Amino acid sequence: MSDANDLVEQDGDGVSVAVHVQPQAGRTAIVGRHGDALKVRVAAPPVDDRANEAAVALIAEMFDVPPTGVRVVSGDRSRVKRLHVDGIELETAVELVDRALEQAAEPPGPRRRRQRD
């Protein structure tokens, strides 16, 4: 069974994804799961819709759709949101979310030491 089956569901002409957004993070990235949601960190602050816009852009990049193909359908002022992605089939969406979760779980690469002269 896929790790993403409970995070993504068919929704009309696309899919909806449960997302937990952590604003004002050091970097913007998908970092794993948070309960029944995909956890994303965004560098943008939760002011003037900037965190929502950053989350939409990140999800659009993950699904390889333009940002206009993703919209917040619930949780506009909450950390827990439901985003709709246009034109994506459920199977494809689950595969992409699984891949993002796998990448988030990978440990960071080895640190390179600076050589001293």
Protein backbone atom coordinates (compact mmCIF):
# COMPACT_ATOMS: atom_id res chain seq x y z
CA MET A 1 0.00 0.00 0.00
CA SER A 2 1.17 3.49 -0.82
CA ASP A 3 2.08 6.00 1.87
CA ALA A 4 0.13 8.68 -0.01
CA ASN A 5 -3.23 6.95 -0.47
CA ASP A 6 -4.77 8.80 2.47
CA LEU A 7 -3.26 12.17 1.49
CA VAL A 8 -4.67 12.43 -2.03
CA GLU A 9 -8.20 11.91 -3.33
CA GLN A 10 -9.94 12.27 -6.68
CA ASP A 11 -11.74 15.60 -6.90
CA GLY A 12 -13.58 16.36 -10.13
CA ASP A 13 -11.11 17.09 -12.92
CA GLY A 14 -8.09 16.65 -10.66
CA VAL A 15 -7.11 15.70 -7.14
CA SER A 16 -7.15 17.30 -3.74
CA VAL A 17 -4.22 17.03 -1.37
CA ALA A 18 -4.21 17.50 2.40
CA VAL A 19 -1.32 19.80 3.32
CA HIS A 20 0.08 21.03 6.65
CA VAL A 21 2.02 24.26 6.09
CA GLN A 22 4.77 25.53 8.37
CA PRO A 23 5.43 29.17 7.45
CA GLN A 24 8.63 31.15 8.08
CA ALA A 25 10.86 28.08 7.76
CA GLY A 26 14.50 28.32 6.80
CA ARG A 27 13.76 26.85 3.37
CA THR A 28 10.80 25.83 1.26
CA ALA A 29 10.47 22.06 0.93
CA ILE A 30 8.27 19.02 1.34
CA VAL A 31 9.47 17.42 4.55
CA GLY A 32 7.22 14.40 5.11
CA ARG A 33 3.89 13.68 6.74
CA HIS A 34 2.06 15.41 9.55
CA GLY A 35 -0.75 13.07 10.57
CA ASP A 36 -3.12 12.83 7.61
CA ALA A 37 -1.43 15.64 5.67
CA LEU A 38 1.64 16.25 3.56
CA LYS A 39 3.93 18.51 5.61
CA VAL A 40 5.52 21.40 3.76
CA ARG A 41 7.75 24.15 5.04
CA VAL A 42 7.73 27.51 3.33
CA ALA A 43 10.13 30.37 3.86
CA ALA A 44 7.36 32.92 3.34
CA PRO A 45 5.62 34.46 6.37
CA PRO A 46 1.88 33.98 6.94
CA VAL A 47 1.20 37.57 5.89
CA ASP A 48 -0.75 38.86 2.89
CA ASP A 49 -1.35 35.29 1.62
CA ARG A 50 2.39 34.83 0.98
CA ALA A 51 2.63 31.45 2.78
CA ASN A 52 -0.36 30.15 0.81
CA GLU A 53 1.20 31.33 -2.45
CA ALA A 54 4.48 29.61 -1.57
CA ALA A 55 2.67 26.37 -0.69
CA VAL A 56 0.71 26.51 -3.95
CA ALA A 57 3.93 27.07 -5.92
CA LEU A 58 5.65 24.14 -4.17
CA ILE A 59 2.74 21.76 -4.82
CA ALA A 60 2.51 22.96 -8.43
CA GLU A 61 6.21 22.19 -8.88
CA MET A 62 5.79 18.72 -7.33
CA PHE A 63 2.91 17.90 -9.71
CA ASP A 64 4.59 19.66 -12.67
CA VAL A 65 1.63 21.95 -13.31
CA PRO A 66 1.55 25.75 -13.49
CA PRO A 67 0.76 27.53 -10.21
CA THR A 68 -2.57 28.57 -11.72
CA GLY A 69 -3.49 24.86 -11.76
CA VAL A 70 -3.40 24.68 -7.95
CA ARG A 71 -5.76 26.44 -5.58
CA VAL A 72 -6.56 26.43 -1.86
CA VAL A 73 -10.06 24.99 -1.41
CA SER A 74 -10.14 24.96 2.38
CA GLY A 75 -8.03 26.16 5.28
CA ASP A 76 -7.05 29.49 3.73
CA ARG A 77 -6.15 30.95 7.14
CA SER A 78 -5.11 27.68 8.78
CA ARG A 79 -1.92 25.62 8.70
CA VAL A 80 -4.00 22.63 7.60
CA LYS A 81 -5.23 23.13 4.05
CA ARG A 82 -6.75 21.22 1.19
CA LEU A 83 -5.29 22.09 -2.20
CA HIS A 84 -6.92 21.17 -5.52
CA VAL A 85 -4.62 20.30 -8.43
CA ASP A 86 -6.22 20.49 -11.88
CA GLY A 87 -5.72 17.88 -14.57
CA ILE A 88 -3.94 15.18 -12.54
CA GLU A 89 -5.19 11.61 -12.28
CA LEU A 90 -5.30 9.96 -8.87
CA GLU A 91 -2.73 7.24 -9.68
CA THR A 92 -0.23 9.80 -10.99
CA ALA A 93 -0.79 12.02 -7.97
CA VAL A 94 -0.22 9.17 -5.53
CA GLU A 95 3.02 8.22 -7.31
CA LEU A 96 4.28 11.82 -7.20
CA VAL A 97 3.42 12.26 -3.53
CA ASP A 98 5.07 8.91 -2.71
CA ARG A 99 8.21 10.05 -4.53
CA ALA A 100 8.22 13.35 -2.62
CA LEU A 101 7.82 11.48 0.69
CA GLU A 102 10.70 9.15 -0.19
CA GLN A 103 12.94 12.09 -1.07
CA ALA A 104 12.00 13.85 2.16
CA ALA A 105 12.94 10.73 4.16
CA GLU A 106 16.39 10.43 2.58
CA PRO A 107 19.17 11.58 4.87
CA PRO A 108 21.12 14.57 3.65
CA GLY A 109 24.24 13.81 1.66
CA PRO A 110 27.65 13.66 3.29
CA ARG A 111 29.16 16.95 4.25
CA ARG A 112 32.26 17.92 2.42
CA ARG A 113 35.17 18.99 4.49
CA ARG A 114 37.22 21.89 3.37
CA GLN A 115 40.75 20.96 2.72
CA ARG A 116 43.31 22.94 4.61
CA ASP A 117 46.51 23.97 2.94
